[in-house]
Amino acid sequence: MKVLILGPPGSGKGTEAALLASTFHLKHVSVGELLRKEAKKNKDIRDVIERGDLLSDKESFAVVKKYLPEDDFILDGFPRTFSQIKLFDTFMKVDFVLYLDTDDDEVVRRLLLRGRKDDTEEVVRHRLWIYHQETKKILSFYKKKVLRVDGNAFIPEVFQELCEKMRERL
């Protein structure tokens, strides 16, 4: 099973992906973690991340391709732009896309509580603006494969709804 989990930054993708990976025996691949790992080695990547911007499509895809397993996985945080879809879709077909539909104000609240260096309100709002401009287009591309859940709910409720929707599709 090959699954994407999408949603705005702070929607709980990483938390839910880890729970789902354990439940469905999938490898959890967090692109955010991979990019932070790469940023430790590469100042240019670090600068882009600290501004809240996205890496170029080719750079992001190269990182994903480097770490993505061929067998069952849940990919958290990629693709983020419509042009990344084109690169990714030629490389890998997914079974379905989980979408955590989360309000902007809830995202800002969560990320400011998280307290990471790159989670200032200005950077978070900039990341949300990019998300609304770019990432939501992905949902139209994968329209028939999207399983939408309310990302504003508590973690166990979101997890239960995701599990139910995934089991219906299996």
Foldseek 3Di string as FASTA:
>chain_A
DEEEEDEAAQLCQVVLQVVVCVVVVAAEAELVVLLVVVCVVPVVSVVCVLLLHDDPLVVSVVSCVVPPDPDGHYYYDPDQFPVNCVVVVVVDDGQAYEYAYEDLVLSLVRLVVVDDNSNDSVSSVVNVVSSVVGRVVVCVVRVVRYDYDHSSDDPVVRNVSVVVVVVVSD
